[in-house]
C-alpha atoms as a PDB file:
ATOM      1  CA  LEU A   1       0.037   0.009  -0.018  1.00  0.00           C
ATOM      2  CA  SER A   2       2.759   2.366   0.887  1.00  0.00           C
ATOM      3  CA  HIS A   3       4.412   1.651  -2.459  1.00  0.00           C
ATOM      4  CA  SER A   4       1.297   2.981  -4.196  1.00  0.00           C
ATOM      5  CA  PHE A   5       1.919   6.588  -2.810  1.00  0.00           C
ATOM      6  CA  SER A   6       5.344   6.812  -4.413  1.00  0.00           C
ATOM      7  CA  GLU A   7       5.486   8.402  -7.886  1.00  0.00           C
ATOM      8  CA  HIS A   8       8.689   6.425  -8.647  1.00  0.00           C
ATOM      9  CA  LYS A   9       7.997   2.688  -8.744  1.00  0.00           C
ATOM     10  CA  GLU A  10      10.489  -0.078  -9.334  1.00  0.00           C
ATOM     11  CA  PHE A  11      10.168  -3.761  -8.788  1.00  0.00           C
ATOM     12  CA  ARG A  12      13.288  -3.834  -6.621  1.00  0.00           C
ATOM     13  CA  PHE A  13      11.361  -1.894  -4.042  1.00  0.00           C
ATOM     14  CA  LEU A  14       9.177  -5.021  -3.560  1.00  0.00           C
ATOM     15  CA  LEU A  15      12.035  -7.436  -3.105  1.00  0.00           C
ATOM     16  CA  PRO A  16      11.873  -7.396   0.828  1.00  0.00           C
ATOM     17  CA  ILE A  17       8.330  -8.826   0.760  1.00  0.00           C
ATOM     18  CA  LEU A  18       8.954 -11.563  -1.758  1.00  0.00           C
ATOM     19  CA  PRO A  19       9.788 -14.153   0.973  1.00  0.00           C
ATOM     20  CA  LEU A  20       6.340 -13.587   2.365  1.00  0.00           C
ATOM     21  CA  PHE A  21       4.640 -14.211  -0.913  1.00  0.00           C
ATOM     22  CA  CYS A  22       6.787 -17.445  -1.365  1.00  0.00           C
ATOM     23  CA  LEU A  23       5.446 -18.655   2.094  1.00  0.00           C
ATOM     24  CA  LEU A  24       1.807 -17.875   1.147  1.00  0.00           C
ATOM     25  CA  CYS A  25       2.200 -19.662  -2.284  1.00  0.00           C
ATOM     26  CA  GLY A  26       3.970 -22.649  -0.766  1.00  0.00           C
ATOM     27  CA  GLU A  27       0.860 -23.825   1.073  1.00  0.00           C
ATOM     28  CA  ARG A  28      -1.167 -24.017  -2.165  1.00  0.00           C
ATOM     29  CA  VAL A  29       1.628 -25.656  -4.208  1.00  0.00           C
ATOM     30  CA  GLN A  30       1.786 -28.406  -1.497  1.00  0.00           C
ATOM     31  CA  VAL A  31      -1.805 -29.175  -2.332  1.00  0.00           C
ATOM     32  CA  PHE A  32      -0.845 -29.920  -5.874  1.00  0.00           C
ATOM     33  CA  VAL A  33       2.156 -32.070  -4.832  1.00  0.00           C
ATOM     34  CA  GLY A  34      -0.057 -34.545  -2.970  1.00  0.00           C
ATOM     35  CA  ALA A  35      -2.941 -34.395  -5.456  1.00  0.00           C
ATOM     36  CA  SER A  36      -3.977 -36.455  -8.389  1.00  0.00           C
ATOM     37  CA  ALA A  37      -1.858 -37.086 -11.505  1.00  0.00           C
ATOM     38  CA  SER A  38      -3.797 -34.477 -13.572  1.00  0.00           C
ATOM     39  CA  ARG A  39      -3.076 -31.780 -10.848  1.00  0.00           C
ATOM     40  CA  LYS A  40       0.590 -32.810 -10.851  1.00  0.00           C
ATOM     41  CA  LYS A  41       0.664 -32.356 -14.647  1.00  0.00           C
ATOM     42  CA  LEU A  42      -0.914 -28.915 -14.260  1.00  0.00           C
ATOM     43  CA  LEU A  43       1.847 -28.058 -11.693  1.00  0.00           C
ATOM     44  CA  ALA A  44       4.559 -29.282 -14.073  1.00  0.00           C
ATOM     45  CA  LEU A  45       3.030 -27.210 -16.937  1.00  0.00           C
ATOM     46  CA  GLY A  46       3.108 -24.076 -14.725  1.00  0.00           C
ATOM     47  CA  ALA A  47       6.711 -24.757 -13.774  1.00  0.00           C
ATOM     48  CA  MET A  48       7.728 -25.163 -17.409  1.00  0.00           C
ATOM     49  CA  THR A  49       5.973 -21.970 -18.377  1.00  0.00           C
ATOM     50  CA  ASN A  50       7.880 -20.103 -15.627  1.00  0.00           C
ATOM     51  CA  LEU A  51      11.198 -21.786 -16.694  1.00  0.00           C
ATOM     52  CA  ALA A  52      10.753 -20.396 -20.170  1.00  0.00           C
ATOM     53  CA  ALA A  53      10.114 -16.925 -18.692  1.00  0.00           C
ATOM     54  CA  VAL A  54      13.231 -17.245 -16.555  1.00  0.00           C
ATOM     55  CA  VAL A  55      15.411 -18.238 -19.584  1.00  0.00           C
ATOM     56  CA  TYR A  56      14.155 -15.357 -21.710  1.00  0.00           C
ATOM     57  CA  LEU A  57      14.257 -12.740 -19.021  1.00  0.00           C
ATOM     58  CA  GLY A  58      17.519 -13.926 -17.685  1.00  0.00           C
ATOM     59  CA  LEU A  59      19.542 -14.483 -20.917  1.00  0.00           C
ATOM     60  CA  LEU A  60      17.882 -12.374 -23.649  1.00  0.00           C
ATOM     61  CA  HIS A  61      15.541  -9.613 -22.418  1.00  0.00           C
ATOM     62  CA  GLN A  62      17.252  -6.142 -22.087  1.00  0.00           C
ATOM     63  CA  ARG A  63      20.832  -7.558 -22.422  1.00  0.00           C
ATOM     64  CA  ALA A  64      21.805  -5.003 -25.066  1.00  0.00           C
ATOM     65  CA  PRO A  65      22.552  -2.020 -22.748  1.00  0.00           C
ATOM     66  CA  ILE A  66      25.472  -3.890 -21.231  1.00  0.00           C
ATOM     67  CA  GLU A  67      26.587  -5.779 -24.253  1.00  0.00           C
ATOM     68  CA  VAL A  68      26.919  -2.692 -26.408  1.00  0.00           C
ATOM     69  CA  ASN A  69      29.158  -0.962 -23.885  1.00  0.00           C
ATOM     70  CA  ARG A  70      31.294  -4.032 -23.555  1.00  0.00           C
ATOM     71  CA  ARG A  71      31.747  -4.136 -27.305  1.00  0.00           C
ATOM     72  CA  ILE A  72      32.830  -0.478 -27.294  1.00  0.00           C
ATOM     73  CA  VAL A  73      35.484  -1.223 -24.762  1.00  0.00           C
ATOM     74  CA  GLU A  74      36.697  -4.191 -26.964  1.00  0.00           C
ATOM     75  CA  LEU A  75      36.932  -1.965 -30.019  1.00  0.00           C
ATOM     76  CA  VAL A  76      39.050   0.875 -28.630  1.00  0.00           C
ATOM     77  CA  LYS A  77      42.747   0.827 -28.554  1.00  0.00           C
ATOM     78  CA  HIS A  78      44.203   0.123 -25.163  1.00  0.00           C
ATOM     79  CA  GLU A  79      46.030   3.432 -24.909  1.00  0.00           C
ATOM     80  CA  PRO A  80      45.485   6.365 -22.546  1.00  0.00           C
ATOM     81  CA  GLN A  81      43.020   8.194 -24.826  1.00  0.00           C
ATOM     82  CA  THR A  82      39.508   9.656 -24.499  1.00  0.00           C
ATOM     83  CA  TYR A  83      36.632   8.487 -26.754  1.00  0.00           C
ATOM     84  CA  SER A  84      33.226  10.091 -27.120  1.00  0.00           C
ATOM     85  CA  ILE A  85      29.984   8.101 -27.267  1.00  0.00           C
ATOM     86  CA  HIS A  86      26.554   9.493 -28.129  1.00  0.00           C
ATOM     87  CA  TYR A  87      23.472   7.448 -27.083  1.00  0.00           C
ATOM     88  CA  LEU A  88      20.577   8.628 -29.282  1.00  0.00           C
ATOM     89  CA  MET A  89      17.875   6.693 -27.467  1.00  0.00           C
ATOM     90  CA  GLY A  90      15.258   7.176 -24.686  1.00  0.00           C
ATOM     91  CA  CYS A  91      15.817   7.800 -21.050  1.00  0.00           C
ATOM     92  CA  HIS A  92      18.259   5.596 -19.165  1.00  0.00           C
ATOM     93  CA  SER A  93      18.610   3.177 -22.071  1.00  0.00           C
ATOM     94  CA  THR A  94      22.149   2.179 -20.998  1.00  0.00           C
ATOM     95  CA  PRO A  95      24.023   2.208 -17.705  1.00  0.00           C
ATOM     96  CA  LEU A  96      26.703   4.508 -19.228  1.00  0.00           C
ATOM     97  CA  LEU A  97      29.975   4.595 -17.281  1.00  0.00           C
ATOM     98  CA  SER A  98      29.221   1.658 -15.002  1.00  0.00           C
ATOM     99  CA  HIS A  99      30.193  -0.693 -17.847  1.00  0.00           C
ATOM    100  CA  LEU A 100      32.861   1.565 -19.506  1.00  0.00           C
ATOM    101  CA  HIS A 101      35.581   1.354 -16.933  1.00  0.00           C
ATOM    102  CA  SER A 102      38.823   0.406 -18.718  1.00  0.00           C
ATOM    103  CA  PRO A 103      41.746   2.513 -17.383  1.00  0.00           C
ATOM    104  CA  PRO A 104      43.680   4.236 -18.665  1.00  0.00           C
ATOM    105  CA  ILE A 105      41.165   4.728 -21.439  1.00  0.00           C
ATOM    106  CA  LYS A 106      38.588   7.378 -20.675  1.00  0.00           C
ATOM    107  CA  PHE A 107      35.077   7.784 -22.154  1.00  0.00           C
ATOM    108  CA  GLU A 108      32.895  10.865 -22.604  1.00  0.00           C
ATOM    109  CA  PRO A 109      29.234   9.584 -22.873  1.00  0.00           C
ATOM    110  CA  TRP A 110      26.465  11.869 -23.923  1.00  0.00           C
ATOM    111  CA  ALA A 111      22.773  10.893 -23.493  1.00  0.00           C
ATOM    112  CA  LEU A 112      19.563  12.724 -24.303  1.00  0.00           C
ATOM    113  CA  ASP A 113      18.431  14.940 -21.432  1.00  0.00           C
ATOM    114  CA  CYS A 114      15.322  13.721 -19.513  1.00  0.00           C
ATOM    115  CA  SER A 115      16.305  15.093 -16.148  1.00  0.00           C
ATOM    116  CA  PRO A 116      13.692  15.928 -13.416  1.00  0.00           C
ATOM    117  CA  SER A 117      14.558  19.686 -13.825  1.00  0.00           C
ATOM    118  CA  CYS A 118      13.671  19.458 -17.550  1.00  0.00           C
ATOM    119  CA  ARG A 119      10.460  17.521 -16.903  1.00  0.00           C
ATOM    120  CA  ALA A 120       9.395  19.839 -14.120  1.00  0.00           C
ATOM    121  CA  ASP A 121       9.446  22.950 -16.362  1.00  0.00           C
ATOM    122  CA  PRO A 122       6.347  23.133 -18.587  1.00  0.00           C
ATOM    123  CA  LYS A 123       8.098  25.640 -20.878  1.00  0.00           C
ATOM    124  CA  LEU A 124      10.920  23.188 -21.737  1.00  0.00           C
ATOM    125  CA  GLU A 125      10.810  20.149 -23.966  1.00  0.00           C
ATOM    126  CA  CYS A 126      13.361  17.522 -22.995  1.00  0.00           C
ATOM    127  CA  GLU A 127      15.839  16.285 -25.571  1.00  0.00           C
ATOM    128  CA  SER A 128      14.490  12.773 -25.195  1.00  0.00           C
ATOM    129  CA  ASP A 129      10.967  13.992 -26.133  1.00  0.00           C
ATOM    130  CA  LEU A 130      12.260  16.020 -29.076  1.00  0.00           C
ATOM    131  CA  PHE A 131      14.199  12.953 -30.319  1.00  0.00           C
ATOM    132  CA  ALA A 132      11.136  10.633 -29.862  1.00  0.00           C
ATOM    133  CA  ARG A 133       8.937  12.892 -31.881  1.00  0.00           C
ATOM    134  CA  ASP A 134      11.275  13.079 -34.845  1.00  0.00           C
ATOM    135  CA  PRO A 135      14.705  11.376 -34.701  1.00  0.00           C
ATOM    136  CA  GLY A 136      15.782  12.606 -38.061  1.00  0.00           C
ATOM    137  CA  LYS A 137      15.052  16.215 -37.354  1.00  0.00           C
ATOM    138  CA  PHE A 138      16.783  16.022 -33.968  1.00  0.00           C
ATOM    139  CA  MET A 139      19.967  14.686 -35.693  1.00  0.00           C
ATOM    140  CA  GLU A 140      19.720  17.500 -38.308  1.00  0.00           C
ATOM    141  CA  ASP A 141      19.463  20.201 -35.607  1.00  0.00           C
ATOM    142  CA  THR A 142      22.120  18.621 -33.420  1.00  0.00           C
ATOM    143  CA  TYR A 143      24.830  17.724 -35.883  1.00  0.00           C
ATOM    144  CA  PHE A 144      24.148  19.677 -39.071  1.00  0.00           C
ATOM    145  CA  HIS A 145      22.343  22.887 -38.205  1.00  0.00           C
ATOM    146  CA  CYS A 146      23.950  26.276 -38.580  1.00  0.00           C
ATOM    147  CA  SER A 147      21.978  29.314 -37.477  1.00  0.00           C
ATOM    148  CA  ASP A 148      23.867  32.000 -39.374  1.00  0.00           C
ATOM    149  CA  PHE A 149      25.972  31.972 -42.580  1.00  0.00           C
ATOM    150  CA  GLU A 150      28.229  34.698 -43.757  1.00  0.00           C
ATOM    151  CA  GLU A 151      29.795  34.419 -47.246  1.00  0.00           C
ATOM    152  CA  GLY A 152      29.127  30.682 -47.238  1.00  0.00           C
ATOM    153  CA  THR A 153      30.751  30.179 -43.920  1.00  0.00           C
ATOM    154  CA  CYS A 154      28.994  29.188 -40.716  1.00  0.00           C
ATOM    155  CA  VAL A 155      29.592  31.913 -38.175  1.00  0.00           C
ATOM    156  CA  SER A 156      27.102  30.808 -35.530  1.00  0.00           C
ATOM    157  CA  ASP A 157      27.697  27.108 -35.282  1.00  0.00           C
ATOM    158  CA  LEU A 158      25.304  25.294 -32.982  1.00  0.00           C
ATOM    159  CA  ARG A 159      26.415  21.864 -33.995  1.00  0.00           C
ATOM    160  CA  ILE A 160      28.282  19.469 -31.801  1.00  0.00           C
ATOM    161  CA  PHE A 161      31.154  17.387 -32.846  1.00  0.00           C
ATOM    162  CA  TYR A 162      30.637  13.872 -34.411  1.00  0.00           C
ATOM    163  CA  PRO A 163      31.306  11.184 -31.795  1.00  0.00           C
ATOM    164  CA  ASP A 164      33.697   8.338 -32.026  1.00  0.00           C
ATOM    165  CA  PHE A 165      30.757   5.906 -31.322  1.00  0.00           C
ATOM    166  CA  LEU A 166      27.035   6.268 -31.734  1.00  0.00           C
ATOM    167  CA  VAL A 167      24.393   3.997 -30.294  1.00  0.00           C
ATOM    168  CA  ALA A 168      20.796   4.014 -31.585  1.00  0.00           C
ATOM    169  CA  HIS A 169      17.697   1.850 -31.511  1.00  0.00           C
ATOM    170  CA  SER A 170      16.954  -0.254 -34.594  1.00  0.00           C
ATOM    171  CA  GLY A 171      13.433   1.059 -34.732  1.00  0.00           C
ATOM    172  CA  ASP A 172      14.706   4.591 -35.442  1.00  0.00           C
ATOM    173  CA  MET A 173      16.961   3.520 -38.340  1.00  0.00           C
ATOM    174  CA  PRO A 174      14.655   4.574 -41.180  1.00  0.00           C
ATOM    175  CA  THR A 175      14.724   8.297 -40.274  1.00  0.00           C
ATOM    176  CA  MET A 176      18.432   8.223 -38.966  1.00  0.00           C
ATOM    177  CA  GLN A 177      20.336   6.092 -41.497  1.00  0.00           C
ATOM    178  CA  SER A 178      21.070   8.724 -44.136  1.00  0.00           C
ATOM    179  CA  ARG A 179      22.238  11.194 -41.601  1.00  0.00           C
ATOM    180  CA  ILE A 180      24.430   8.589 -39.749  1.00  0.00           C
ATOM    181  CA  ALA A 181      26.059   7.843 -43.184  1.00  0.00           C
ATOM    182  CA  THR A 182      26.744  11.527 -43.759  1.00  0.00           C
ATOM    183  CA  MET A 183      28.533  11.574 -40.397  1.00  0.00           C
ATOM    184  CA  GLY A 184      30.931   8.955 -41.709  1.00  0.00           C
ATOM    185  CA  MET A 185      29.627   6.334 -39.206  1.00  0.00           C
ATOM    186  CA  LYS A 186      29.782   2.615 -40.069  1.00  0.00           C
ATOM    187  CA  GLU A 187      27.743  -0.116 -38.375  1.00  0.00           C
ATOM    188  CA  VAL A 188      29.958  -2.397 -36.291  1.00  0.00           C
ATOM    189  CA  GLY A 189      27.358  -4.384 -34.332  1.00  0.00           C
ATOM    190  CA  ARG A 190      23.768  -5.217 -33.401  1.00  0.00           C
ATOM    191  CA  PHE A 191      22.682  -6.317 -29.947  1.00  0.00           C
ATOM    192  CA  VAL A 192      19.513  -8.139 -29.197  1.00  0.00           C
ATOM    193  CA  ASN A 193      17.447  -6.422 -26.468  1.00  0.00           C
ATOM    194  CA  GLY A 194      14.333  -8.487 -26.682  1.00  0.00           C
ATOM    195  CA  ILE A 195      11.466  -9.729 -28.924  1.00  0.00           C
ATOM    196  CA  ASN A 196       9.056  -7.091 -30.113  1.00  0.00           C
ATOM    197  CA  GLY A 197       6.845  -9.100 -32.479  1.00  0.00           C
ATOM    198  CA  VAL A 198       5.764 -12.601 -33.287  1.00  0.00           C
ATOM    199  CA  ARG A 199       4.086 -13.980 -36.446  1.00  0.00           C
ATOM    200  CA  PHE A 200       2.461 -17.421 -36.687  1.00  0.00           C
ATOM    201  CA  ALA A 201       1.772 -19.132 -39.954  1.00  0.00           C
ATOM    202  CA  ASN A 202       1.862 -15.830 -41.890  1.00  0.00           C
ATOM    203  CA  LYS A 203      -1.617 -15.124 -40.491  1.00  0.00           C
ATOM    204  CA  TYR A 204      -1.492 -14.183 -36.863  1.00  0.00           C
ATOM    205  CA  THR A 205       0.694 -11.414 -35.620  1.00  0.00           C
ATOM    206  CA  LEU A 206       1.577 -10.017 -32.208  1.00  0.00           C
ATOM    207  CA  GLY A 207       3.343  -6.658 -32.432  1.00  0.00           C
ATOM    208  CA  SER A 208       2.276  -5.631 -36.013  1.00  0.00           C
ATOM    209  CA  ASP A 209       4.435  -2.483 -35.886  1.00  0.00           C
ATOM    210  CA  ALA A 210       7.582  -4.670 -35.798  1.00  0.00           C
ATOM    211  CA  PHE A 211       6.665  -6.143 -39.228  1.00  0.00           C
ATOM    212  CA  ALA A 212       5.717  -2.817 -40.799  1.00  0.00           C
ATOM    213  CA  ASN A 213       9.224  -2.354 -42.359  1.00  0.00           C
ATOM    214  CA  ASP A 214      12.644  -3.882 -42.480  1.00  0.00           C
ATOM    215  CA  SER A 215      14.065  -2.019 -39.487  1.00  0.00           C
ATOM    216  CA  PHE A 216      14.165  -5.039 -37.274  1.00  0.00           C
ATOM    217  CA  SER A 217      16.131  -8.278 -37.682  1.00  0.00           C
ATOM    218  CA  ARG A 218      14.018 -11.414 -37.790  1.00  0.00           C
ATOM    219  CA  LEU A 219      14.463 -15.057 -36.926  1.00  0.00           C
ATOM    220  CA  SER A 220      12.447 -17.752 -38.708  1.00  0.00           C
ATOM    221  CA  PHE A 221      11.639 -21.188 -37.446  1.00  0.00           C
ATOM    222  CA  LEU A 222       9.603 -24.216 -38.849  1.00  0.00           C
ATOM    223  CA  ASP A 223      10.039 -23.168 -42.462  1.00  0.00           C
ATOM    224  CA  GLY A 224       8.777 -19.689 -41.792  1.00  0.00           C
ATOM    225  CA  SER A 225       5.723 -20.733 -39.821  1.00  0.00           C
ATOM    226  CA  LEU A 226       7.169 -18.852 -36.715  1.00  0.00           C
ATOM    227  CA  VAL A 227       8.908 -15.505 -37.191  1.00  0.00           C
ATOM    228  CA  LEU A 228      10.290 -13.481 -34.322  1.00  0.00           C
ATOM    229  CA  SER A 229      11.136  -9.825 -34.734  1.00  0.00           C
ATOM    230  CA  LEU A 230      14.049  -8.627 -32.676  1.00  0.00           C
ATOM    231  CA  ASP A 231      14.414  -5.418 -30.801  1.00  0.00           C
ATOM    232  CA  GLU A 232      18.058  -4.293 -31.092  1.00  0.00           C
ATOM    233  CA  PHE A 233      20.603  -1.683 -30.305  1.00  0.00           C
ATOM    234  CA  VAL A 234      22.796  -0.699 -33.191  1.00  0.00           C
ATOM    235  CA  LEU A 235      26.428   0.403 -32.628  1.00  0.00           C
ATOM    236  CA  PHE A 236      28.186   2.737 -35.042  1.00  0.00           C
ATOM    237  CA  GLU A 237      31.829   3.580 -35.210  1.00  0.00           C
ATOM    238  CA  ASN A 238      33.297   6.756 -36.793  1.00  0.00           C
ATOM    239  CA  SER A 239      35.187   5.600 -39.923  1.00  0.00           C
ATOM    240  CA  GLN A 240      37.795   8.240 -39.077  1.00  0.00           C
ATOM    241  CA  ILE A 241      37.857   7.619 -35.452  1.00  0.00           C
ATOM    242  CA  ASN A 242      39.761  10.308 -33.606  1.00  0.00           C
ATOM    243  CA  PRO A 243      40.158  10.153 -29.865  1.00  0.00           C
ATOM    244  CA  ARG A 244      39.512  13.541 -28.215  1.00  0.00           C
ATOM    245  CA  TYR A 245      42.901  13.546 -26.450  1.00  0.00           C
END
């Protein structure tokens, strides 16, 4: 009940009461153990269903935020240099520096602003919201926009430098791909973050948006009778990678 009064909710806040729920469930599970064969089969079916969820949630779901940072560490030269990384995704999409420690190498991560101060001001629109509304326009304004030209030269440059690495969501690729190419970035890896769509027998679809275009990678099973659409993080490296220091 007290958890309901908090605006910020996370499952980890409920961890202290999980043992109590296990005790309450144990009594009913014991009824199944000593019951008929049909009830035991029902219990086994429930256990297998939960095992499948454990395997998916433990090994596949939302693994990309950590894997993409590990890959960046593998790609950089092991010299005392500083590399820039831009994460063009939603709020808190990656753990940033917590998985980028590799002394003496240093990293300068930049993520879209979605801070409480930004969200608290009704006159401001957070960078994360601007990006979500139109990823392509956000990139244009961020990396290519010049507010004032004089004799063909940009004299009021609002652009920021091109990063050494850029991380984006595969679903945003249609509106970002051309601009990423203009920046001289090349794709160096894709990291599965989950399943965002399932199609059965080319008739029944869960998550129809995932099959609307070719943005997402797909896995086919049983001669195409079962197709999984994969939610991925895409890592790009600057083709002319140049450490800041």
